[in-house]
Amino acid sequence: MTRLAPKIKDVAKQAGVSVTTVSRVLNGEKYVKDDLKARVKRAIDELGYAPSHIARSLVRKKTNLIGVIVPDLTSSFYSTILSSIEETASLNDYNLLVCNIIEDTDKEFKYLNVFNEMRVDGIIIMHEKLNDEIRAFLNKLDIPIIFSSVRPSDQTFLSVIIDDYAAAFDATNYLIELGHQRIGFIGGDMRDVTSGQNRYIGYRGALSERNIPIVDEYIRFGDYKIQSGYNLMKEILACGTHPTAIFAVSDDMAVGAMNCIHDHQLKVPEDISIIGFDGSQLTELVRPQLSSMEQPIQDMGKVTVETLLDLISGDAETPKEDIILKHKLVVRNSCGPYREDK
């Protein structure tokens, strides 16, 4: 016959103490005599008792679980920031429930209900396309919520972000400083305020400040993925006179654009310079290595978790406004000075 797993009452009986005393020892409470602690721990070892996470959570009114909504785990940016989130959560004795929604709002609503039922201590959301149903549901939840890398419009929750307008402005301005005048743009989803609209406005702002013409044929919008970058670059090259530089709002799309340029017997950066956005690990894996406007991805994940834990604990020092981290231009080999013959 299969032996049943020992329960907390079996530990209490073995140690000759009450169930309450065993519970106090398991939860690390201070006010238990040393001899009782020793008896309980010895009984646990002898019986091979493993405390139920759910039972302990009910007693402590805390699950040490954080729910995470990720729009697309295939993205090099999201996989990198999630790694930082997991590492920081683990260091603080928290576990993650990660839900990859692939931008499916029905799936997101289902997962948010699961988070609520599982009594997660906090929620991290990494996208900003919230419909009215999800927005209303989030506002009713009695769970701390934080947005990471995005800031939805009209939202009341804290976000950990960079200044995407300024970062896009600086990326475009770098290409201008290299002498480029025909600068194309491979953008994201314009329903996204943060990575869509703000980066596009930053690109246009840099060109306008230098009185450089904005050429509609050089502007395309996609979904941040490698294949999208490839397809959009192909459309731009079909216009005739091609731009001498491209700013892509994700490293993945920049890599796709580089592949397309190569397939059209052109060279990066000799024929077309490329700069990406994010500073993901992908930038150093491609050839030539990709210049990128780097978000502090590791710090962003770390700060997101630490701020959420402050919200969970009710720390009075928790910021009341969005936390804006600094972006940084990382120059590699994919950008070069404008050449007159191009």
C-alpha atoms as a PDB file:
ATOM      1  CA  MET A   1       0.000   0.000   0.000  1.00  0.00           C
ATOM      2  CA  THR A   2       1.108   3.547  -0.755  1.00  0.00           C
ATOM      3  CA  ARG A   3       2.040   5.413   2.374  1.00  0.00           C
ATOM      4  CA  LEU A   4       0.122   8.650   2.867  1.00  0.00           C
ATOM      5  CA  ALA A   5       2.169  11.817   3.117  1.00  0.00           C
ATOM      6  CA  PRO A   6       2.477  13.022   6.723  1.00  0.00           C
ATOM      7  CA  LYS A   7       0.338  15.957   7.732  1.00  0.00           C
ATOM      8  CA  ILE A   8       0.947  18.785  10.150  1.00  0.00           C
ATOM      9  CA  LYS A   9      -1.046  17.014  12.861  1.00  0.00           C
ATOM     10  CA  ASP A  10       1.297  14.006  12.522  1.00  0.00           C
ATOM     11  CA  VAL A  11       4.267  16.310  13.132  1.00  0.00           C
ATOM     12  CA  ALA A  12       2.516  17.774  16.191  1.00  0.00           C
ATOM     13  CA  LYS A  13       1.836  14.327  17.588  1.00  0.00           C
ATOM     14  CA  GLN A  14       5.413  13.134  16.962  1.00  0.00           C
ATOM     15  CA  ALA A  15       6.874  16.247  18.614  1.00  0.00           C
ATOM     16  CA  GLY A  16       4.380  16.289  21.472  1.00  0.00           C
ATOM     17  CA  VAL A  17       3.251  19.849  20.737  1.00  0.00           C
ATOM     18  CA  SER A  18       0.146  21.557  19.366  1.00  0.00           C
ATOM     19  CA  VAL A  19      -0.565  22.080  15.677  1.00  0.00           C
ATOM     20  CA  THR A  20      -0.353  25.824  16.345  1.00  0.00           C
ATOM     21  CA  THR A  21       3.220  25.456  17.615  1.00  0.00           C
ATOM     22  CA  VAL A  22       4.209  23.506  14.500  1.00  0.00           C
ATOM     23  CA  SER A  23       2.647  26.200  12.331  1.00  0.00           C
ATOM     24  CA  ARG A  24       4.574  28.909  14.172  1.00  0.00           C
ATOM     25  CA  VAL A  25       7.849  27.056  13.652  1.00  0.00           C
ATOM     26  CA  LEU A  26       7.124  26.571   9.939  1.00  0.00           C
ATOM     27  CA  ASN A  27       6.361  30.273   9.517  1.00  0.00           C
ATOM     28  CA  GLY A  28       9.537  31.346  11.292  1.00  0.00           C
ATOM     29  CA  GLU A  29       7.794  33.130  14.146  1.00  0.00           C
ATOM     30  CA  LYS A  30      10.148  34.312  16.885  1.00  0.00           C
ATOM     31  CA  TYR A  31       8.186  33.514  20.002  1.00  0.00           C
ATOM     32  CA  VAL A  32       8.686  29.749  20.177  1.00  0.00           C
ATOM     33  CA  LYS A  33      11.036  28.238  22.743  1.00  0.00           C
ATOM     34  CA  ASP A  34      14.240  26.762  21.352  1.00  0.00           C
ATOM     35  CA  ASP A  35      13.573  23.292  22.759  1.00  0.00           C
ATOM     36  CA  LEU A  36      10.139  23.204  21.100  1.00  0.00           C
ATOM     37  CA  LYS A  37      11.640  24.347  17.789  1.00  0.00           C
ATOM     38  CA  ALA A  38      14.197  21.550  17.990  1.00  0.00           C
ATOM     39  CA  ARG A  39      11.511  18.929  18.707  1.00  0.00           C
ATOM     40  CA  VAL A  40       9.369  20.125  15.812  1.00  0.00           C
ATOM     41  CA  LYS A  41      12.286  20.189  13.370  1.00  0.00           C
ATOM     42  CA  ARG A  42      13.362  16.704  14.486  1.00  0.00           C
ATOM     43  CA  ALA A  43       9.829  15.383  13.951  1.00  0.00           C
ATOM     44  CA  ILE A  44       9.720  16.980  10.493  1.00  0.00           C
ATOM     45  CA  ASP A  45      12.979  15.252   9.545  1.00  0.00           C
ATOM     46  CA  GLU A  46      11.889  11.879  10.964  1.00  0.00           C
ATOM     47  CA  LEU A  47       8.537  11.936   9.171  1.00  0.00           C
ATOM     48  CA  GLY A  48       9.769  13.549   5.955  1.00  0.00           C
ATOM     49  CA  TYR A  49       7.071  16.175   6.238  1.00  0.00           C
ATOM     50  CA  ALA A  50       6.783  18.771   3.415  1.00  0.00           C
ATOM     51  CA  PRO A  51       4.557  21.749   4.312  1.00  0.00           C
ATOM     52  CA  SER A  52       1.731  22.556   1.911  1.00  0.00           C
ATOM     53  CA  HIS A  53       2.340  25.835   0.119  1.00  0.00           C
ATOM     54  CA  ILE A  54      -1.393  26.461  -0.095  1.00  0.00           C
ATOM     55  CA  ALA A  55      -1.948  25.748   3.586  1.00  0.00           C
ATOM     56  CA  ARG A  56       0.895  28.032   4.613  1.00  0.00           C
ATOM     57  CA  SER A  57      -0.440  30.728   2.314  1.00  0.00           C
ATOM     58  CA  LEU A  58      -3.843  30.608   3.969  1.00  0.00           C
ATOM     59  CA  VAL A  59      -2.286  30.968   7.405  1.00  0.00           C
ATOM     60  CA  ARG A  60       0.066  33.790   6.384  1.00  0.00           C
ATOM     61  CA  LYS A  61      -2.428  35.430   4.003  1.00  0.00           C
ATOM     62  CA  LYS A  62       0.452  35.589   1.536  1.00  0.00           C
ATOM     63  CA  THR A  63       1.271  33.297  -1.402  1.00  0.00           C
ATOM     64  CA  ASN A  64       4.688  34.627  -2.426  1.00  0.00           C
ATOM     65  CA  LEU A  65       3.416  34.425  -6.001  1.00  0.00           C
ATOM     66  CA  ILE A  66       3.666  37.150  -8.632  1.00  0.00           C
ATOM     67  CA  GLY A  67       1.583  36.946 -11.796  1.00  0.00           C
ATOM     68  CA  VAL A  68       3.266  38.180 -14.982  1.00  0.00           C
ATOM     69  CA  ILE A  69       1.502  39.025 -18.243  1.00  0.00           C
ATOM     70  CA  VAL A  70       3.892  38.888 -21.224  1.00  0.00           C
ATOM     71  CA  PRO A  71       2.692  39.833 -24.727  1.00  0.00           C
ATOM     72  CA  ASP A  72       5.122  37.627 -26.654  1.00  0.00           C
ATOM     73  CA  LEU A  73       7.864  35.439 -25.194  1.00  0.00           C
ATOM     74  CA  THR A  74       9.475  34.935 -28.615  1.00  0.00           C
ATOM     75  CA  SER A  75      10.693  38.547 -28.462  1.00  0.00           C
ATOM     76  CA  SER A  76      14.335  38.884 -27.420  1.00  0.00           C
ATOM     77  CA  PHE A  77      13.397  41.955 -25.351  1.00  0.00           C
ATOM     78  CA  TYR A  78      10.665  40.250 -23.348  1.00  0.00           C
ATOM     79  CA  SER A  79      12.640  37.070 -22.774  1.00  0.00           C
ATOM     80  CA  THR A  80      15.547  39.148 -21.429  1.00  0.00           C
ATOM     81  CA  ILE A  81      13.490  41.321 -19.095  1.00  0.00           C
ATOM     82  CA  LEU A  82      11.577  38.288 -17.857  1.00  0.00           C
ATOM     83  CA  SER A  83      14.871  36.635 -16.915  1.00  0.00           C
ATOM     84  CA  SER A  84      15.724  39.669 -14.764  1.00  0.00           C
ATOM     85  CA  ILE A  85      12.258  39.663 -13.194  1.00  0.00           C
ATOM     86  CA  GLU A  86      12.552  35.979 -12.313  1.00  0.00           C
ATOM     87  CA  GLU A  87      16.024  36.377 -10.827  1.00  0.00           C
ATOM     88  CA  THR A  88      14.991  39.298  -8.613  1.00  0.00           C
ATOM     89  CA  ALA A  89      11.767  37.596  -7.545  1.00  0.00           C
ATOM     90  CA  SER A  90      13.642  34.413  -6.639  1.00  0.00           C
ATOM     91  CA  LEU A  91      16.172  36.348  -4.542  1.00  0.00           C
ATOM     92  CA  ASN A  92      13.206  37.679  -2.570  1.00  0.00           C
ATOM     93  CA  ASP A  93      11.640  34.219  -2.130  1.00  0.00           C
ATOM     94  CA  TYR A  94       8.907  34.821  -4.697  1.00  0.00           C
ATOM     95  CA  ASN A  95       7.751  32.568  -7.517  1.00  0.00           C
ATOM     96  CA  LEU A  96       6.285  33.632 -10.859  1.00  0.00           C
ATOM     97  CA  LEU A  97       3.160  32.626 -12.738  1.00  0.00           C
ATOM     98  CA  VAL A  98       4.078  33.663 -16.288  1.00  0.00           C
ATOM     99  CA  CYS A  99       1.327  33.950 -18.886  1.00  0.00           C
ATOM    100  CA  ASN A 100       2.222  34.475 -22.543  1.00  0.00           C
ATOM    101  CA  ILE A 101      -0.882  36.036 -24.098  1.00  0.00           C
ATOM    102  CA  ILE A 102       0.338  36.565 -27.703  1.00  0.00           C
ATOM    103  CA  GLU A 103      -1.723  39.777 -27.623  1.00  0.00           C
ATOM    104  CA  ASP A 104      -4.945  37.796 -27.107  1.00  0.00           C
ATOM    105  CA  THR A 105      -7.184  39.866 -24.804  1.00  0.00           C
ATOM    106  CA  ASP A 106      -9.537  36.922 -24.131  1.00  0.00           C
ATOM    107  CA  LYS A 107      -6.567  34.893 -22.931  1.00  0.00           C
ATOM    108  CA  GLU A 108      -5.357  37.806 -20.827  1.00  0.00           C
ATOM    109  CA  PHE A 109      -8.726  38.170 -19.113  1.00  0.00           C
ATOM    110  CA  LYS A 110      -8.703  34.445 -18.327  1.00  0.00           C
ATOM    111  CA  TYR A 111      -5.218  34.632 -16.833  1.00  0.00           C
ATOM    112  CA  LEU A 112      -6.059  37.679 -14.727  1.00  0.00           C
ATOM    113  CA  ASN A 113      -8.954  35.710 -13.254  1.00  0.00           C
ATOM    114  CA  VAL A 114      -6.542  32.856 -12.511  1.00  0.00           C
ATOM    115  CA  PHE A 115      -4.203  35.293 -10.751  1.00  0.00           C
ATOM    116  CA  ASN A 116      -7.118  36.482  -8.636  1.00  0.00           C
ATOM    117  CA  GLU A 117      -8.191  32.937  -7.773  1.00  0.00           C
ATOM    118  CA  MET A 118      -4.609  31.951  -6.927  1.00  0.00           C
ATOM    119  CA  ARG A 119      -4.366  34.974  -4.627  1.00  0.00           C
ATOM    120  CA  VAL A 120      -1.112  36.210  -6.141  1.00  0.00           C
ATOM    121  CA  ASP A 121       0.516  38.929  -4.058  1.00  0.00           C
ATOM    122  CA  GLY A 122       1.156  41.176  -7.049  1.00  0.00           C
ATOM    123  CA  ILE A 123       0.855  41.452 -10.836  1.00  0.00           C
ATOM    124  CA  ILE A 124       3.338  42.659 -13.487  1.00  0.00           C
ATOM    125  CA  ILE A 125       1.974  43.603 -16.921  1.00  0.00           C
ATOM    126  CA  MET A 126       4.275  44.178 -19.900  1.00  0.00           C
ATOM    127  CA  HIS A 127       1.908  45.477 -22.570  1.00  0.00           C
ATOM    128  CA  GLU A 128      -0.410  48.454 -22.906  1.00  0.00           C
ATOM    129  CA  LYS A 129      -3.278  47.492 -25.238  1.00  0.00           C
ATOM    130  CA  LEU A 130      -5.930  47.260 -22.520  1.00  0.00           C
ATOM    131  CA  ASN A 131      -9.556  47.012 -23.565  1.00  0.00           C
ATOM    132  CA  ASP A 132     -12.331  48.459 -21.405  1.00  0.00           C
ATOM    133  CA  GLU A 133     -13.174  45.087 -19.836  1.00  0.00           C
ATOM    134  CA  ILE A 134      -9.601  44.420 -18.726  1.00  0.00           C
ATOM    135  CA  ARG A 135      -9.098  47.993 -17.543  1.00  0.00           C
ATOM    136  CA  ALA A 136     -12.241  47.784 -15.399  1.00  0.00           C
ATOM    137  CA  PHE A 137     -11.197  44.389 -14.019  1.00  0.00           C
ATOM    138  CA  LEU A 138      -7.736  45.652 -13.045  1.00  0.00           C
ATOM    139  CA  ASN A 139      -9.223  48.640 -11.241  1.00  0.00           C
ATOM    140  CA  LYS A 140     -11.436  46.337  -9.159  1.00  0.00           C
ATOM    141  CA  LEU A 141      -8.650  43.971  -8.116  1.00  0.00           C
ATOM    142  CA  ASP A 142      -7.393  44.317  -4.572  1.00  0.00           C
ATOM    143  CA  ILE A 143      -3.904  43.318  -5.714  1.00  0.00           C
ATOM    144  CA  PRO A 144      -0.875  45.590  -6.270  1.00  0.00           C
ATOM    145  CA  ILE A 145      -0.205  46.017 -10.011  1.00  0.00           C
ATOM    146  CA  ILE A 146       2.765  47.505 -11.855  1.00  0.00           C
ATOM    147  CA  PHE A 147       3.508  47.969 -15.557  1.00  0.00           C
ATOM    148  CA  SER A 148       7.002  47.239 -16.834  1.00  0.00           C
ATOM    149  CA  SER A 149       8.536  48.865 -19.955  1.00  0.00           C
ATOM    150  CA  VAL A 150       5.171  50.380 -20.951  1.00  0.00           C
ATOM    151  CA  ARG A 151       2.784  53.049 -19.754  1.00  0.00           C
ATOM    152  CA  PRO A 152      -0.820  52.670 -20.921  1.00  0.00           C
ATOM    153  CA  SER A 153      -2.767  55.856 -21.461  1.00  0.00           C
ATOM    154  CA  ASP A 154      -5.229  56.867 -18.724  1.00  0.00           C
ATOM    155  CA  GLN A 155      -3.889  54.312 -16.273  1.00  0.00           C
ATOM    156  CA  THR A 156      -3.593  54.754 -12.524  1.00  0.00           C
ATOM    157  CA  PHE A 157      -0.855  52.203 -11.848  1.00  0.00           C
ATOM    158  CA  LEU A 158       2.888  52.764 -11.567  1.00  0.00           C
ATOM    159  CA  SER A 159       5.108  52.063 -14.572  1.00  0.00           C
ATOM    160  CA  VAL A 160       8.838  51.410 -14.846  1.00  0.00           C
ATOM    161  CA  ILE A 161       9.876  52.831 -18.221  1.00  0.00           C
ATOM    162  CA  ILE A 162      12.355  54.944 -20.150  1.00  0.00           C
ATOM    163  CA  ASP A 163      11.592  58.179 -21.995  1.00  0.00           C
ATOM    164  CA  ASP A 164      10.794  56.528 -25.339  1.00  0.00           C
ATOM    165  CA  TYR A 165      10.363  59.829 -27.150  1.00  0.00           C
ATOM    166  CA  ALA A 166      13.801  61.048 -26.076  1.00  0.00           C
ATOM    167  CA  ALA A 167      15.415  57.684 -26.848  1.00  0.00           C
ATOM    168  CA  ALA A 168      13.975  57.638 -30.390  1.00  0.00           C
ATOM    169  CA  PHE A 169      14.961  61.262 -30.891  1.00  0.00           C
ATOM    170  CA  ASP A 170      18.533  60.451 -29.826  1.00  0.00           C
ATOM    171  CA  ALA A 171      18.721  57.367 -32.068  1.00  0.00           C
ATOM    172  CA  THR A 172      17.602  59.354 -35.106  1.00  0.00           C
ATOM    173  CA  ASN A 173      19.853  62.253 -34.215  1.00  0.00           C
ATOM    174  CA  TYR A 174      22.837  59.885 -34.088  1.00  0.00           C
ATOM    175  CA  LEU A 175      22.197  58.951 -37.730  1.00  0.00           C
ATOM    176  CA  ILE A 176      21.899  62.633 -38.612  1.00  0.00           C
ATOM    177  CA  GLU A 177      25.241  63.328 -36.905  1.00  0.00           C
ATOM    178  CA  LEU A 178      26.769  60.696 -39.174  1.00  0.00           C
ATOM    179  CA  GLY A 179      25.675  62.804 -42.112  1.00  0.00           C
ATOM    180  CA  HIS A 180      22.563  60.896 -43.181  1.00  0.00           C
ATOM    181  CA  GLN A 181      19.630  62.820 -44.646  1.00  0.00           C
ATOM    182  CA  ARG A 182      17.562  60.006 -46.144  1.00  0.00           C
ATOM    183  CA  ILE A 183      16.603  58.208 -42.925  1.00  0.00           C
ATOM    184  CA  GLY A 184      13.914  55.540 -42.970  1.00  0.00           C
ATOM    185  CA  PHE A 185      11.798  54.352 -40.077  1.00  0.00           C
ATOM    186  CA  ILE A 186      10.582  50.829 -39.242  1.00  0.00           C
ATOM    187  CA  GLY A 187       8.048  51.313 -36.478  1.00  0.00           C
ATOM    188  CA  GLY A 188       5.850  49.240 -34.201  1.00  0.00           C
ATOM    189  CA  ASP A 189       2.155  48.997 -33.499  1.00  0.00           C
ATOM    190  CA  MET A 190       0.723  52.517 -33.376  1.00  0.00           C
ATOM    191  CA  ARG A 191      -1.873  51.344 -30.866  1.00  0.00           C
ATOM    192  CA  ASP A 192       1.042  51.245 -28.420  1.00  0.00           C
ATOM    193  CA  VAL A 193       1.630  54.675 -26.905  1.00  0.00           C
ATOM    194  CA  THR A 194       5.040  53.786 -25.471  1.00  0.00           C
ATOM    195  CA  SER A 195       6.852  51.793 -28.144  1.00  0.00           C
ATOM    196  CA  GLY A 196       4.622  52.778 -31.062  1.00  0.00           C
ATOM    197  CA  GLN A 197       3.561  56.418 -30.943  1.00  0.00           C
ATOM    198  CA  ASN A 198       6.298  57.881 -28.728  1.00  0.00           C
ATOM    199  CA  ARG A 199       9.160  56.378 -30.751  1.00  0.00           C
ATOM    200  CA  TYR A 200       7.600  57.504 -34.039  1.00  0.00           C
ATOM    201  CA  ILE A 201       7.107  61.043 -32.731  1.00  0.00           C
ATOM    202  CA  GLY A 202      10.716  61.067 -31.506  1.00  0.00           C
ATOM    203  CA  TYR A 203      11.938  60.066 -34.973  1.00  0.00           C
ATOM    204  CA  ARG A 204       9.926  62.814 -36.647  1.00  0.00           C
ATOM    205  CA  GLY A 205      10.988  65.348 -34.022  1.00  0.00           C
ATOM    206  CA  ALA A 206      14.689  64.776 -34.675  1.00  0.00           C
ATOM    207  CA  LEU A 207      14.253  65.181 -38.441  1.00  0.00           C
ATOM    208  CA  SER A 208      12.080  68.283 -38.078  1.00  0.00           C
ATOM    209  CA  GLU A 209      14.548  69.963 -35.740  1.00  0.00           C
ATOM    210  CA  ARG A 210      17.243  69.666 -38.439  1.00  0.00           C
ATOM    211  CA  ASN A 211      14.828  70.612 -41.266  1.00  0.00           C
ATOM    212  CA  ILE A 212      15.326  67.210 -42.873  1.00  0.00           C
ATOM    213  CA  PRO A 213      12.423  66.081 -45.109  1.00  0.00           C
ATOM    214  CA  ILE A 214      10.210  63.292 -43.785  1.00  0.00           C
ATOM    215  CA  VAL A 215       9.661  60.878 -46.675  1.00  0.00           C
ATOM    216  CA  ASP A 216       6.504  58.793 -46.276  1.00  0.00           C
ATOM    217  CA  GLU A 217       7.839  56.083 -48.597  1.00  0.00           C
ATOM    218  CA  TYR A 218      10.627  55.435 -46.086  1.00  0.00           C
ATOM    219  CA  ILE A 219       8.220  54.854 -43.175  1.00  0.00           C
ATOM    220  CA  ARG A 220       6.642  51.476 -42.356  1.00  0.00           C
ATOM    221  CA  PHE A 221       4.934  49.957 -39.308  1.00  0.00           C
ATOM    222  CA  GLY A 222       5.061  46.353 -38.106  1.00  0.00           C
ATOM    223  CA  ASP A 223       4.890  44.099 -35.062  1.00  0.00           C
ATOM    224  CA  TYR A 224       8.419  44.298 -33.591  1.00  0.00           C
ATOM    225  CA  LYS A 225       9.427  40.848 -34.926  1.00  0.00           C
ATOM    226  CA  ILE A 226      12.306  39.802 -37.191  1.00  0.00           C
ATOM    227  CA  GLN A 227      10.089  38.741 -40.100  1.00  0.00           C
ATOM    228  CA  SER A 228       8.192  42.013 -39.913  1.00  0.00           C
ATOM    229  CA  GLY A 229      11.465  43.945 -40.162  1.00  0.00           C
ATOM    230  CA  TYR A 230      12.454  41.896 -43.193  1.00  0.00           C
ATOM    231  CA  ASN A 231       9.150  42.448 -44.986  1.00  0.00           C
ATOM    232  CA  LEU A 232       9.033  46.179 -44.270  1.00  0.00           C
ATOM    233  CA  MET A 233      12.608  46.705 -45.397  1.00  0.00           C
ATOM    234  CA  LYS A 234      11.737  44.916 -48.632  1.00  0.00           C
ATOM    235  CA  GLU A 235       8.905  47.410 -49.183  1.00  0.00           C
ATOM    236  CA  ILE A 236      11.210  50.352 -48.541  1.00  0.00           C
ATOM    237  CA  LEU A 237      13.846  49.052 -50.976  1.00  0.00           C
ATOM    238  CA  ALA A 238      11.154  48.706 -53.651  1.00  0.00           C
ATOM    239  CA  CYS A 239      10.510  52.464 -53.555  1.00  0.00           C
ATOM    240  CA  GLY A 240      13.436  53.283 -55.837  1.00  0.00           C
ATOM    241  CA  THR A 241      16.069  55.495 -54.278  1.00  0.00           C
ATOM    242  CA  HIS A 242      16.585  53.847 -50.924  1.00  0.00           C
ATOM    243  CA  PRO A 243      17.370  55.581 -47.618  1.00  0.00           C
ATOM    244  CA  THR A 244      20.983  55.589 -46.494  1.00  0.00           C
ATOM    245  CA  ALA A 245      20.021  54.822 -42.889  1.00  0.00           C
ATOM    246  CA  ILE A 246      17.208  53.082 -41.019  1.00  0.00           C
ATOM    247  CA  PHE A 247      15.983  53.463 -37.458  1.00  0.00           C
ATOM    248  CA  ALA A 248      14.046  50.367 -36.335  1.00  0.00           C
ATOM    249  CA  VAL A 249      12.151  50.525 -33.030  1.00  0.00           C
ATOM    250  CA  SER A 250      13.135  47.007 -31.960  1.00  0.00           C
ATOM    251  CA  ASP A 251      16.357  45.062 -32.286  1.00  0.00           C
ATOM    252  CA  ASP A 252      14.408  42.154 -33.754  1.00  0.00           C
ATOM    253  CA  MET A 253      13.050  44.285 -36.607  1.00  0.00           C
ATOM    254  CA  ALA A 254      16.480  45.813 -37.147  1.00  0.00           C
ATOM    255  CA  VAL A 255      17.954  42.334 -37.591  1.00  0.00           C
ATOM    256  CA  GLY A 256      15.189  41.452 -40.050  1.00  0.00           C
ATOM    257  CA  ALA A 257      15.971  44.611 -42.004  1.00  0.00           C
ATOM    258  CA  MET A 258      19.678  43.737 -42.053  1.00  0.00           C
ATOM    259  CA  ASN A 259      18.893  40.290 -43.457  1.00  0.00           C
ATOM    260  CA  CYS A 260      16.735  41.832 -46.175  1.00  0.00           C
ATOM    261  CA  ILE A 261      19.459  44.317 -47.125  1.00  0.00           C
ATOM    262  CA  HIS A 262      21.936  41.442 -47.400  1.00  0.00           C
ATOM    263  CA  ASP A 263      19.518  39.444 -49.591  1.00  0.00           C
ATOM    264  CA  HIS A 264      19.302  42.438 -51.942  1.00  0.00           C
ATOM    265  CA  GLN A 265      23.081  42.391 -52.448  1.00  0.00           C
ATOM    266  CA  LEU A 266      23.559  45.524 -50.364  1.00  0.00           C
ATOM    267  CA  LYS A 267      25.833  45.919 -47.365  1.00  0.00           C
ATOM    268  CA  VAL A 268      25.415  47.172 -43.796  1.00  0.00           C
ATOM    269  CA  PRO A 269      26.683  49.798 -43.070  1.00  0.00           C
ATOM    270  CA  GLU A 270      28.410  50.590 -46.385  1.00  0.00           C
ATOM    271  CA  ASP A 271      25.114  50.976 -48.289  1.00  0.00           C
ATOM    272  CA  ILE A 272      22.584  51.375 -45.474  1.00  0.00           C
ATOM    273  CA  SER A 273      23.243  52.032 -41.799  1.00  0.00           C
ATOM    274  CA  ILE A 274      20.919  50.394 -39.268  1.00  0.00           C
ATOM    275  CA  ILE A 275      20.224  51.260 -35.642  1.00  0.00           C
ATOM    276  CA  GLY A 276      17.894  49.214 -33.440  1.00  0.00           C
ATOM    277  CA  PHE A 277      16.194  49.759 -30.117  1.00  0.00           C
ATOM    278  CA  ASP A 278      16.238  47.806 -26.826  1.00  0.00           C
ATOM    279  CA  GLY A 279      19.818  46.642 -26.418  1.00  0.00           C
ATOM    280  CA  SER A 280      18.889  42.955 -26.289  1.00  0.00           C
ATOM    281  CA  GLN A 281      21.407  40.116 -26.425  1.00  0.00           C
ATOM    282  CA  LEU A 282      20.613  39.793 -30.121  1.00  0.00           C
ATOM    283  CA  THR A 283      22.669  42.912 -30.904  1.00  0.00           C
ATOM    284  CA  GLU A 284      25.977  41.125 -30.280  1.00  0.00           C
ATOM    285  CA  LEU A 285      25.011  37.860 -31.981  1.00  0.00           C
ATOM    286  CA  VAL A 286      24.463  39.252 -35.495  1.00  0.00           C
ATOM    287  CA  ARG A 287      27.067  40.386 -38.009  1.00  0.00           C
ATOM    288  CA  PRO A 288      27.759  43.191 -38.236  1.00  0.00           C
ATOM    289  CA  GLN A 289      26.970  43.731 -34.576  1.00  0.00           C
ATOM    290  CA  LEU A 290      23.965  45.988 -34.207  1.00  0.00           C
ATOM    291  CA  SER A 291      24.126  49.540 -32.873  1.00  0.00           C
ATOM    292  CA  SER A 292      21.145  50.074 -30.599  1.00  0.00           C
ATOM    293  CA  MET A 293      19.437  52.580 -28.340  1.00  0.00           C
ATOM    294  CA  GLU A 294      19.668  50.500 -25.202  1.00  0.00           C
ATOM    295  CA  GLN A 295      17.027  50.225 -22.549  1.00  0.00           C
ATOM    296  CA  PRO A 296      18.467  49.146 -19.179  1.00  0.00           C
ATOM    297  CA  ILE A 297      16.622  45.840 -19.490  1.00  0.00           C
ATOM    298  CA  GLN A 298      18.210  44.104 -16.504  1.00  0.00           C
ATOM    299  CA  ASP A 299      17.665  47.118 -14.252  1.00  0.00           C
ATOM    300  CA  MET A 300      14.129  47.525 -15.559  1.00  0.00           C
ATOM    301  CA  GLY A 301      13.214  43.983 -14.498  1.00  0.00           C
ATOM    302  CA  LYS A 302      14.940  44.386 -11.130  1.00  0.00           C
ATOM    303  CA  VAL A 303      13.347  47.762 -10.341  1.00  0.00           C
ATOM    304  CA  THR A 304       9.924  46.469 -11.431  1.00  0.00           C
ATOM    305  CA  VAL A 305      10.019  43.604  -8.940  1.00  0.00           C
ATOM    306  CA  GLU A 306      11.515  45.648  -6.104  1.00  0.00           C
ATOM    307  CA  THR A 307       8.893  48.381  -6.538  1.00  0.00           C
ATOM    308  CA  LEU A 308       6.090  45.823  -6.668  1.00  0.00           C
ATOM    309  CA  LEU A 309       7.358  44.227  -3.444  1.00  0.00           C
ATOM    310  CA  ASP A 310       7.281  47.671  -1.827  1.00  0.00           C
ATOM    311  CA  LEU A 311       3.669  48.045  -2.969  1.00  0.00           C
ATOM    312  CA  ILE A 312       2.844  44.606  -1.563  1.00  0.00           C
ATOM    313  CA  SER A 313       4.385  45.445   1.821  1.00  0.00           C
ATOM    314  CA  GLY A 314       2.747  48.872   1.909  1.00  0.00           C
ATOM    315  CA  ASP A 315       6.093  50.632   2.157  1.00  0.00           C
ATOM    316  CA  ALA A 316       5.489  54.365   2.601  1.00  0.00           C
ATOM    317  CA  GLU A 317       8.658  55.086   0.610  1.00  0.00           C
ATOM    318  CA  THR A 318       7.232  53.553  -2.583  1.00  0.00           C
ATOM    319  CA  PRO A 319       7.306  56.114  -5.449  1.00  0.00           C
ATOM    320  CA  LYS A 320       3.986  57.736  -6.263  1.00  0.00           C
ATOM    321  CA  GLU A 321       4.946  58.510  -9.881  1.00  0.00           C
ATOM    322  CA  ASP A 322       6.362  56.479 -12.765  1.00  0.00           C
ATOM    323  CA  ILE A 323       9.992  55.422 -12.463  1.00  0.00           C
ATOM    324  CA  ILE A 324      11.881  56.595 -15.555  1.00  0.00           C
ATOM    325  CA  LEU A 325      15.229  54.899 -16.182  1.00  0.00           C
ATOM    326  CA  LYS A 326      17.966  56.223 -18.459  1.00  0.00           C
ATOM    327  CA  HIS A 327      18.487  55.020 -22.034  1.00  0.00           C
ATOM    328  CA  LYS A 328      21.927  54.774 -23.615  1.00  0.00           C
ATOM    329  CA  LEU A 329      23.281  54.718 -27.152  1.00  0.00           C
ATOM    330  CA  VAL A 330      25.502  51.680 -27.736  1.00  0.00           C
ATOM    331  CA  VAL A 331      27.537  52.058 -30.923  1.00  0.00           C
ATOM    332  CA  ARG A 332      28.606  48.865 -32.683  1.00  0.00           C
ATOM    333  CA  ASN A 333      29.305  48.125 -36.352  1.00  0.00           C
ATOM    334  CA  SER A 334      25.967  48.519 -38.131  1.00  0.00           C
ATOM    335  CA  CYS A 335      26.180  52.297 -38.565  1.00  0.00           C
ATOM    336  CA  GLY A 336      28.646  54.289 -40.606  1.00  0.00           C
ATOM    337  CA  PRO A 337      29.054  57.811 -41.970  1.00  0.00           C
ATOM    338  CA  TYR A 338      27.087  58.923 -45.035  1.00  0.00           C
ATOM    339  CA  ARG A 339      28.915  58.295 -48.298  1.00  0.00           C
ATOM    340  CA  GLU A 340      28.440  60.692 -51.233  1.00  0.00           C
ATOM    341  CA  ASP A 341      28.175  57.842 -53.738  1.00  0.00           C
ATOM    342  CA  LYS A 342      25.023  56.552 -51.979  1.00  0.00           C
END
